[in-house]
């Protein structure tokens, strides 16, 4: 029951939870082949997904009608997809070369931010570890630190070699 409510509220409030629910549903379906208890969990996720999407459509269509909701959704898709130059947001279109330059610039900037952030987190973990050597209050494990270091190295290496 808790799984149902978590999935329902997650999908109802944020559309990204729909993707999370989809992958959790796939995991439960594959696990249900060995253990039948997971079939109940998969059914719970499916019911929560259908009910939350249905409630969202019902509420939005009750405001102005289902046809207006459909037209607005199609217009929103058209303006965000980049296939229509006239309705594209900020002139971003697949037919515009500047759009690709903007995407490339944003991707490169954000990739460098990720590398810097992981490097900063690794430095913070190193400082905590050095302080802990004196106090010996916390047992440190090196897997998270090593993971951050490898992620940081991967970000910088990819950034310098590819871009």
N, C-alpha and C. Protein backbone atom coordinates (compact mmCIF):
# COMPACT_ATOMS: atom_id res chain seq x y z
N UNK A 1 0.82 -1.19 0.00
CA UNK A 1 0.00 0.00 0.00
C UNK A 1 0.87 1.27 0.00
N UNK A 2 1.98 1.21 0.74
CA UNK A 2 2.89 2.35 0.77
C UNK A 2 3.51 2.58 -0.60
N UNK A 3 3.85 1.49 -1.27
CA UNK A 3 4.42 1.60 -2.61
C UNK A 3 3.42 2.25 -3.57
N UNK A 4 2.16 1.89 -3.45
CA UNK A 4 1.12 2.49 -4.29
C UNK A 4 1.04 3.99 -4.05
N UNK A 5 0.99 4.41 -2.79
CA UNK A 5 0.86 5.84 -2.49
C UNK A 5 2.10 6.63 -2.91
N UNK A 6 3.28 6.05 -2.72
CA UNK A 6 4.49 6.74 -3.16
C UNK A 6 4.51 6.92 -4.67
N UNK A 7 4.18 5.86 -5.39
CA UNK A 7 4.15 5.96 -6.85
C UNK A 7 3.06 6.93 -7.31
N UNK A 8 1.89 6.84 -6.70
CA UNK A 8 0.78 7.72 -7.07
C UNK A 8 1.13 9.18 -6.86
N UNK A 9 1.61 9.52 -5.67
CA UNK A 9 1.95 10.92 -5.39
C UNK A 9 3.13 11.40 -6.22
N UNK A 10 4.10 10.52 -6.43
CA UNK A 10 5.25 10.91 -7.25
C UNK A 10 4.86 11.23 -8.67
N UNK A 11 4.07 10.37 -9.28
CA UNK A 11 3.65 10.59 -10.68
C UNK A 11 2.67 11.75 -10.78
N UNK A 12 1.82 11.90 -9.79
CA UNK A 12 0.84 12.99 -9.81
C UNK A 12 1.50 14.36 -9.69
N UNK A 13 2.57 14.44 -8.92
CA UNK A 13 3.20 15.75 -8.68
C UNK A 13 4.37 16.04 -9.61
N UNK A 14 5.00 15.04 -10.17
CA UNK A 14 6.18 15.29 -11.00
C UNK A 14 6.24 14.26 -12.12
N UNK A 15 6.35 14.72 -13.34
CA UNK A 15 6.31 13.80 -14.47
C UNK A 15 7.55 12.92 -14.56
N UNK A 16 8.65 13.33 -13.96
CA UNK A 16 9.86 12.49 -13.99
C UNK A 16 9.65 11.19 -13.20
N UNK A 17 8.76 11.22 -12.23
CA UNK A 17 8.46 10.00 -11.47
C UNK A 17 7.82 8.94 -12.36
N UNK A 18 7.25 9.35 -13.47
CA UNK A 18 6.69 8.39 -14.41
C UNK A 18 7.79 7.49 -14.98
N UNK A 19 8.94 8.07 -15.28
CA UNK A 19 10.06 7.28 -15.78
C UNK A 19 10.63 6.36 -14.69
N UNK A 20 10.71 6.88 -13.49
CA UNK A 20 11.18 6.06 -12.37
C UNK A 20 10.23 4.88 -12.16
N UNK A 21 8.93 5.15 -12.19
CA UNK A 21 7.94 4.08 -12.00
C UNK A 21 8.04 3.05 -13.12
N UNK A 22 8.31 3.50 -14.33
CA UNK A 22 8.44 2.57 -15.45
C UNK A 22 9.59 1.59 -15.22
N UNK A 23 10.74 2.10 -14.81
CA UNK A 23 11.89 1.21 -14.61
C UNK A 23 11.70 0.32 -13.38
N UNK A 24 11.06 0.84 -12.35
CA UNK A 24 10.76 0.00 -11.19
C UNK A 24 9.77 -1.09 -11.58
N UNK A 25 8.81 -0.73 -12.42
CA UNK A 25 7.85 -1.72 -12.91
C UNK A 25 8.56 -2.83 -13.69
N UNK A 26 9.51 -2.45 -14.54
CA UNK A 26 10.27 -3.46 -15.28
C UNK A 26 11.04 -4.39 -14.34
N UNK A 27 11.65 -3.81 -13.33
CA UNK A 27 12.40 -4.62 -12.36
C UNK A 27 11.46 -5.60 -11.65
N UNK A 28 10.30 -5.11 -11.23
CA UNK A 28 9.34 -5.99 -10.54
C UNK A 28 8.79 -7.07 -11.47
N UNK A 29 8.61 -6.74 -12.72
CA UNK A 29 8.11 -7.76 -13.66
C UNK A 29 9.15 -8.87 -13.83
N UNK A 30 10.41 -8.50 -13.98
CA UNK A 30 11.44 -9.52 -14.13
C UNK A 30 11.65 -10.32 -12.84
N UNK A 31 11.53 -9.66 -11.70
CA UNK A 31 11.68 -10.37 -10.44
C UNK A 31 10.48 -11.27 -10.15
N UNK A 32 9.33 -10.92 -10.71
CA UNK A 32 8.13 -11.73 -10.47
C UNK A 32 8.20 -13.07 -11.20
N UNK A 33 9.12 -13.20 -12.13
CA UNK A 33 9.29 -14.50 -12.80
C UNK A 33 9.82 -15.55 -11.84
N UNK A 34 10.61 -15.11 -10.84
CA UNK A 34 11.17 -16.03 -9.85
C UNK A 34 10.35 -16.07 -8.57
N UNK A 35 9.84 -14.92 -8.16
CA UNK A 35 9.10 -14.82 -6.91
C UNK A 35 7.78 -14.09 -7.19
N UNK A 36 6.68 -14.75 -6.94
CA UNK A 36 5.36 -14.21 -7.30
C UNK A 36 4.94 -13.00 -6.47
N UNK A 37 5.59 -12.74 -5.36
CA UNK A 37 5.22 -11.58 -4.54
C UNK A 37 5.47 -10.27 -5.29
N UNK A 38 6.46 -10.28 -6.20
CA UNK A 38 6.77 -9.07 -6.95
C UNK A 38 5.70 -8.74 -7.98
N UNK A 39 4.87 -9.71 -8.33
CA UNK A 39 3.75 -9.44 -9.25
C UNK A 39 2.76 -8.47 -8.60
N UNK A 40 2.56 -8.61 -7.30
CA UNK A 40 1.68 -7.68 -6.58
C UNK A 40 2.26 -6.27 -6.59
N UNK A 41 3.57 -6.17 -6.45
CA UNK A 41 4.22 -4.86 -6.48
C UNK A 41 4.11 -4.24 -7.87
N UNK A 42 4.28 -5.04 -8.90
CA UNK A 42 4.15 -4.55 -10.27
C UNK A 42 2.73 -4.08 -10.54
N UNK A 43 1.76 -4.82 -10.05
CA UNK A 43 0.37 -4.43 -10.21
C UNK A 43 0.07 -3.13 -9.46
N UNK A 44 0.66 -2.98 -8.29
CA UNK A 44 0.48 -1.76 -7.50
C UNK A 44 1.06 -0.55 -8.24
N UNK A 45 2.26 -0.69 -8.80
CA UNK A 45 2.87 0.41 -9.56
C UNK A 45 2.03 0.73 -10.79
N UNK A 46 1.53 -0.29 -11.48
CA UNK A 46 0.71 -0.07 -12.67
C UNK A 46 -0.58 0.66 -12.33
N UNK A 47 -1.23 0.24 -11.26
CA UNK A 47 -2.48 0.89 -10.85
C UNK A 47 -2.24 2.34 -10.44
N UNK A 48 -1.16 2.59 -9.72
CA UNK A 48 -0.85 3.95 -9.29
C UNK A 48 -0.56 4.84 -10.50
N UNK A 49 0.13 4.30 -11.49
CA UNK A 49 0.44 5.07 -12.69
C UNK A 49 -0.83 5.43 -13.45
N UNK A 50 -1.67 4.45 -13.67
CA UNK A 50 -2.90 4.69 -14.42
C UNK A 50 -3.82 5.66 -13.68
N UNK A 51 -3.97 5.48 -12.38
CA UNK A 51 -4.86 6.35 -11.62
C UNK A 51 -4.33 7.78 -11.53
N UNK A 52 -3.03 7.95 -11.34
CA UNK A 52 -2.50 9.31 -11.22
C UNK A 52 -2.55 10.05 -12.56
N UNK A 53 -2.23 9.35 -13.66
CA UNK A 53 -2.35 9.99 -14.97
C UNK A 53 -3.81 10.29 -15.30
N UNK A 54 -4.68 9.37 -14.96
CA UNK A 54 -6.11 9.59 -15.19
C UNK A 54 -6.65 10.76 -14.39
N UNK A 55 -6.24 10.87 -13.14
CA UNK A 55 -6.68 12.00 -12.31
C UNK A 55 -6.16 13.33 -12.86
N UNK A 56 -4.92 13.33 -13.32
CA UNK A 56 -4.36 14.56 -13.90
C UNK A 56 -5.13 14.99 -15.13
N UNK A 57 -5.39 14.06 -16.04
CA UNK A 57 -6.16 14.38 -17.24
C UNK A 57 -7.57 14.81 -16.88
N UNK A 58 -8.19 14.14 -15.93
CA UNK A 58 -9.55 14.49 -15.52
C UNK A 58 -9.60 15.91 -14.94
N UNK A 59 -8.65 16.23 -14.07
CA UNK A 59 -8.67 17.57 -13.47
C UNK A 59 -8.42 18.66 -14.49
N UNK A 60 -7.44 18.48 -15.37
CA UNK A 60 -7.16 19.51 -16.36
C UNK A 60 -8.27 19.63 -17.39
N UNK A 61 -8.90 18.50 -17.74
CA UNK A 61 -9.97 18.58 -18.73
C UNK A 61 -11.26 19.13 -18.13
N UNK A 62 -11.43 19.04 -16.82
CA UNK A 62 -12.61 19.62 -16.18
C UNK A 62 -12.57 21.14 -16.16
N UNK A 63 -11.41 21.71 -16.28
CA UNK A 63 -11.30 23.17 -16.25
C UNK A 63 -11.89 23.77 -17.52
N UNK A 64 -11.44 23.30 -18.69
CA UNK A 64 -11.93 23.88 -19.95
C UNK A 64 -12.44 22.85 -20.94
N UNK A 65 -12.31 21.61 -20.65
CA UNK A 65 -12.76 20.56 -21.57
C UNK A 65 -11.58 19.77 -22.12
N UNK A 66 -11.87 18.56 -22.52
CA UNK A 66 -10.81 17.67 -22.99
C UNK A 66 -10.22 18.14 -24.32
N UNK A 67 -11.04 18.69 -25.22
CA UNK A 67 -10.53 19.12 -26.53
C UNK A 67 -9.53 20.27 -26.39
N UNK A 68 -9.80 21.20 -25.48
CA UNK A 68 -8.87 22.31 -25.24
C UNK A 68 -7.57 21.78 -24.64
N UNK A 69 -7.68 20.82 -23.72
CA UNK A 69 -6.50 20.20 -23.14
C UNK A 69 -5.66 19.53 -24.22
N UNK A 70 -6.30 18.82 -25.12
CA UNK A 70 -5.59 18.13 -26.20
C UNK A 70 -4.91 19.14 -27.13
N UNK A 71 -5.64 20.20 -27.51
CA UNK A 71 -5.06 21.22 -28.40
C UNK A 71 -3.88 21.92 -27.74
N UNK A 72 -4.01 22.26 -26.46
CA UNK A 72 -2.92 22.94 -25.76
C UNK A 72 -1.71 22.02 -25.62
N UNK A 73 -1.95 20.73 -25.34
CA UNK A 73 -0.84 19.78 -25.21
C UNK A 73 -0.10 19.62 -26.54
N UNK A 74 -0.85 19.57 -27.64
CA UNK A 74 -0.21 19.46 -28.95
C UNK A 74 0.55 20.73 -29.30
N UNK A 75 0.01 21.89 -28.95
CA UNK A 75 0.71 23.15 -29.20
C UNK A 75 1.99 23.23 -28.37
N UNK A 76 1.91 22.78 -27.11
CA UNK A 76 3.08 22.79 -26.25
C UNK A 76 4.15 21.85 -26.80
N UNK A 77 3.75 20.66 -27.26
CA UNK A 77 4.70 19.74 -27.85
C UNK A 77 5.34 20.34 -29.10
N UNK A 78 4.52 20.99 -29.91
CA UNK A 78 5.03 21.60 -31.13
C UNK A 78 6.05 22.69 -30.84
N UNK A 79 5.80 23.49 -29.81
CA UNK A 79 6.72 24.59 -29.52
C UNK A 79 8.00 24.10 -28.84
N UNK A 80 7.93 22.98 -28.13
CA UNK A 80 9.10 22.48 -27.43
C UNK A 80 9.91 21.48 -28.24
N UNK A 81 9.33 20.94 -29.30
CA UNK A 81 10.01 19.89 -30.05
C UNK A 81 11.10 20.43 -30.96
N UNK A 82 10.94 21.65 -31.45
CA UNK A 82 11.93 22.22 -32.35
C UNK A 82 11.64 21.93 -33.81
N UNK A 83 10.51 21.31 -34.12
CA UNK A 83 10.18 20.99 -35.51
C UNK A 83 9.49 22.15 -36.22
N UNK A 84 8.96 23.08 -35.46
CA UNK A 84 8.25 24.20 -36.04
C UNK A 84 8.98 25.48 -35.69
N UNK A 85 9.55 26.12 -36.70
CA UNK A 85 10.37 27.31 -36.43
C UNK A 85 9.54 28.50 -35.95
N UNK A 86 8.31 28.61 -36.38
CA UNK A 86 7.48 29.76 -36.01
C UNK A 86 7.05 29.69 -34.54
N UNK A 87 6.74 28.51 -34.03
CA UNK A 87 6.26 28.41 -32.66
C UNK A 87 7.34 27.99 -31.67
N UNK A 88 8.58 27.83 -32.14
CA UNK A 88 9.66 27.37 -31.27
C UNK A 88 9.97 28.42 -30.21
N UNK A 89 10.27 27.93 -29.03
CA UNK A 89 10.60 28.82 -27.92
C UNK A 89 12.00 29.40 -28.16
N UNK A 90 12.13 30.72 -28.09
CA UNK A 90 13.40 31.43 -28.27
C UNK A 90 14.05 31.15 -29.61
N UNK A 91 13.27 30.76 -30.61
CA UNK A 91 13.83 30.51 -31.93
C UNK A 91 14.63 29.23 -32.03
N UNK A 92 14.57 28.38 -31.01
CA UNK A 92 15.32 27.12 -31.02
C UNK A 92 14.61 26.14 -31.95
N UNK A 93 15.33 25.69 -32.97
CA UNK A 93 14.74 24.80 -33.95
C UNK A 93 15.82 23.88 -34.49
N UNK A 94 15.40 22.72 -34.99
CA UNK A 94 16.39 21.80 -35.56
C UNK A 94 16.92 22.32 -36.88
N UNK A 95 16.26 23.32 -37.46
CA UNK A 95 16.70 23.89 -38.73
C UNK A 95 17.62 25.09 -38.55
N UNK A 96 17.87 25.46 -37.33
CA UNK A 96 18.67 26.64 -37.02
C UNK A 96 20.03 26.20 -36.49
N UNK A 97 21.11 26.62 -37.12
CA UNK A 97 22.46 26.23 -36.70
C UNK A 97 22.80 26.78 -35.32
N UNK A 98 22.30 27.95 -35.00
CA UNK A 98 22.59 28.56 -33.70
C UNK A 98 22.04 27.69 -32.56
N UNK A 99 20.97 26.95 -32.80
CA UNK A 99 20.41 26.07 -31.78
C UNK A 99 21.42 25.00 -31.38
N UNK A 100 22.08 24.43 -32.37
CA UNK A 100 23.08 23.39 -32.08
C UNK A 100 24.28 23.97 -31.34
N UNK A 101 24.66 25.18 -31.69
CA UNK A 101 25.77 25.83 -30.99
C UNK A 101 25.41 26.10 -29.53
N UNK A 102 24.18 26.52 -29.30
CA UNK A 102 23.72 26.78 -27.94
C UNK A 102 23.68 25.50 -27.12
N UNK A 103 23.15 24.43 -27.70
CA UNK A 103 23.11 23.15 -27.00
C UNK A 103 24.52 22.66 -26.69
N UNK A 104 25.43 22.78 -27.64
CA UNK A 104 26.82 22.37 -27.44
C UNK A 104 27.47 23.18 -26.32
N UNK A 105 27.25 24.49 -26.33
CA UNK A 105 27.83 25.35 -25.31
C UNK A 105 27.29 25.02 -23.92
N UNK A 106 25.98 24.83 -23.82
CA UNK A 106 25.38 24.48 -22.53
C UNK A 106 25.84 23.12 -22.04
N UNK A 107 25.96 22.16 -22.96
CA UNK A 107 26.41 20.83 -22.59
C UNK A 107 27.84 20.88 -22.06
N UNK A 108 28.70 21.61 -22.75
CA UNK A 108 30.09 21.71 -22.32
C UNK A 108 30.21 22.41 -20.98
N UNK A 109 29.46 23.48 -20.78
CA UNK A 109 29.50 24.21 -19.52
C UNK A 109 29.02 23.34 -18.36
N UNK A 110 27.91 22.66 -18.55
CA UNK A 110 27.36 21.83 -17.47
C UNK A 110 28.23 20.61 -17.20
N UNK A 111 28.87 20.08 -18.22
CA UNK A 111 29.78 18.94 -18.03
C UNK A 111 30.98 19.37 -17.19
N UNK A 112 31.48 20.58 -17.44
CA UNK A 112 32.60 21.08 -16.63
C UNK A 112 32.16 21.37 -15.20
N UNK A 113 30.92 21.84 -15.01
CA UNK A 113 30.42 22.05 -13.66
C UNK A 113 30.34 20.74 -12.90
N UNK A 114 29.91 19.69 -13.58
CA UNK A 114 29.83 18.38 -12.94
C UNK A 114 31.22 17.90 -12.51
N UNK A 115 32.20 18.07 -13.38
CA UNK A 115 33.56 17.68 -13.03
C UNK A 115 34.08 18.48 -11.85
N UNK A 116 33.83 19.78 -11.84
CA UNK A 116 34.30 20.62 -10.73
C UNK A 116 33.59 20.26 -9.43
N UNK A 117 32.30 19.98 -9.51
CA UNK A 117 31.55 19.62 -8.31
C UNK A 117 32.05 18.31 -7.72
N UNK A 118 32.27 17.31 -8.55
CA UNK A 118 32.76 16.03 -8.03
C UNK A 118 34.16 16.17 -7.48
N UNK A 119 34.97 17.00 -8.10
CA UNK A 119 36.31 17.26 -7.57
C UNK A 119 36.23 17.93 -6.21
N UNK A 120 35.31 18.88 -6.06
CA UNK A 120 35.11 19.57 -4.79
C UNK A 120 34.62 18.61 -3.71
N UNK A 121 33.68 17.71 -4.08
CA UNK A 121 33.18 16.71 -3.12
C UNK A 121 34.31 15.76 -2.71
N UNK A 122 35.13 15.37 -3.66
CA UNK A 122 36.26 14.50 -3.34
C UNK A 122 37.23 15.19 -2.38
N UNK A 123 37.47 16.48 -2.60
CA UNK A 123 38.35 17.24 -1.71
C UNK A 123 37.74 17.34 -0.31
N UNK A 124 36.42 17.55 -0.24
CA UNK A 124 35.75 17.62 1.06
C UNK A 124 35.84 16.28 1.79
N UNK A 125 35.65 15.17 1.06
CA UNK A 125 35.79 13.84 1.68
C UNK A 125 37.22 13.61 2.16
N UNK A 126 38.19 14.08 1.38
CA UNK A 126 39.59 13.93 1.79
C UNK A 126 39.87 14.71 3.07
N UNK A 127 39.33 15.92 3.17
CA UNK A 127 39.51 16.72 4.38
C UNK A 127 38.86 16.04 5.58
N UNK A 128 37.66 15.52 5.38
CA UNK A 128 37.00 14.80 6.47
C UNK A 128 37.79 13.56 6.89
N UNK A 129 38.38 12.88 5.92
CA UNK A 129 39.18 11.71 6.23
C UNK A 129 40.43 12.09 7.03
N UNK A 130 41.07 13.18 6.63
CA UNK A 130 42.27 13.62 7.36
C UNK A 130 41.94 14.06 8.78
N UNK A 131 40.79 14.72 8.95
CA UNK A 131 40.36 15.10 10.30
C UNK A 131 40.03 13.85 11.10
N UNK A 132 39.45 12.86 10.45
CA UNK A 132 39.08 11.63 11.13
C UNK A 132 40.30 10.81 11.54
N UNK A 133 41.42 10.98 10.85
CA UNK A 133 42.64 10.27 11.26
C UNK A 133 43.06 10.67 12.66
N UNK A 134 42.84 11.93 13.00
CA UNK A 134 43.17 12.42 14.34
C UNK A 134 42.17 11.95 15.38
N UNK A 135 40.87 12.04 15.04
CA UNK A 135 39.84 11.74 16.05
C UNK A 135 39.46 10.26 16.08
N UNK A 136 39.50 9.59 14.95
CA UNK A 136 39.15 8.16 14.81
C UNK A 136 37.75 7.85 15.32
N UNK A 137 36.81 8.75 15.06
CA UNK A 137 35.44 8.55 15.52
C UNK A 137 34.58 7.84 14.48
N UNK A 138 34.89 8.02 13.21
CA UNK A 138 34.06 7.47 12.14
C UNK A 138 34.91 6.52 11.30
N UNK A 139 34.32 5.37 10.96
CA UNK A 139 35.01 4.44 10.08
C UNK A 139 34.73 4.85 8.64
N UNK A 140 35.76 5.20 7.90
CA UNK A 140 35.60 5.64 6.52
C UNK A 140 35.72 4.47 5.56
N UNK A 141 34.91 4.52 4.53
CA UNK A 141 35.03 3.55 3.44
C UNK A 141 35.44 4.33 2.20
N UNK A 142 36.31 3.75 1.42
CA UNK A 142 36.88 4.48 0.29
C UNK A 142 36.10 4.32 -1.01
N UNK A 143 35.05 3.47 -1.05
CA UNK A 143 34.32 3.30 -2.29
C UNK A 143 33.64 4.59 -2.76
N UNK A 144 32.95 5.35 -1.88
CA UNK A 144 32.34 6.60 -2.37
C UNK A 144 33.38 7.62 -2.84
N UNK A 145 34.50 7.70 -2.13
CA UNK A 145 35.54 8.65 -2.52
C UNK A 145 36.15 8.23 -3.85
N UNK A 146 36.39 6.95 -4.01
CA UNK A 146 36.96 6.45 -5.26
C UNK A 146 35.97 6.66 -6.41
N UNK A 147 34.70 6.46 -6.16
CA UNK A 147 33.69 6.68 -7.19
C UNK A 147 33.66 8.14 -7.62
N UNK A 148 33.70 9.06 -6.66
CA UNK A 148 33.72 10.48 -7.00
C UNK A 148 34.99 10.86 -7.76
N UNK A 149 36.11 10.31 -7.37
CA UNK A 149 37.36 10.61 -8.07
C UNK A 149 37.31 10.10 -9.51
N UNK A 150 36.80 8.91 -9.71
CA UNK A 150 36.70 8.37 -11.07
C UNK A 150 35.70 9.15 -11.91
N UNK A 151 34.58 9.56 -11.30
CA UNK A 151 33.60 10.37 -12.03
C UNK A 151 34.20 11.71 -12.42
N UNK A 152 34.92 12.33 -11.51
CA UNK A 152 35.56 13.60 -11.80
C UNK A 152 36.59 13.45 -12.91
N UNK A 153 37.40 12.41 -12.81
CA UNK A 153 38.40 12.16 -13.85
C UNK A 153 37.73 11.92 -15.20
N UNK A 154 36.64 11.15 -15.20
CA UNK A 154 35.93 10.86 -16.43
C UNK A 154 35.37 12.14 -17.05
N UNK A 155 34.82 13.03 -16.22
CA UNK A 155 34.25 14.28 -16.73
C UNK A 155 35.33 15.14 -17.38
N UNK A 156 36.44 15.30 -16.69
CA UNK A 156 37.50 16.13 -17.23
C UNK A 156 38.15 15.50 -18.45
N UNK A 157 38.37 14.19 -18.41
CA UNK A 157 39.00 13.50 -19.53
C UNK A 157 38.13 13.59 -20.78
N UNK A 158 36.83 13.34 -20.61
CA UNK A 158 35.91 13.42 -21.75
C UNK A 158 35.82 14.85 -22.26
N UNK A 159 35.80 15.79 -21.36
CA UNK A 159 35.71 17.20 -21.75
C UNK A 159 36.93 17.62 -22.57
N UNK A 160 38.11 17.22 -22.15
CA UNK A 160 39.32 17.63 -22.87
C UNK A 160 39.53 16.85 -24.17
N UNK A 161 39.18 15.58 -24.17
CA UNK A 161 39.43 14.77 -25.37
C UNK A 161 38.35 14.96 -26.43
N UNK A 162 37.11 15.10 -26.03
CA UNK A 162 36.03 15.17 -27.02
C UNK A 162 35.74 16.60 -27.43
N UNK A 163 35.74 17.50 -26.46
CA UNK A 163 35.34 18.87 -26.79
C UNK A 163 36.55 19.74 -26.95
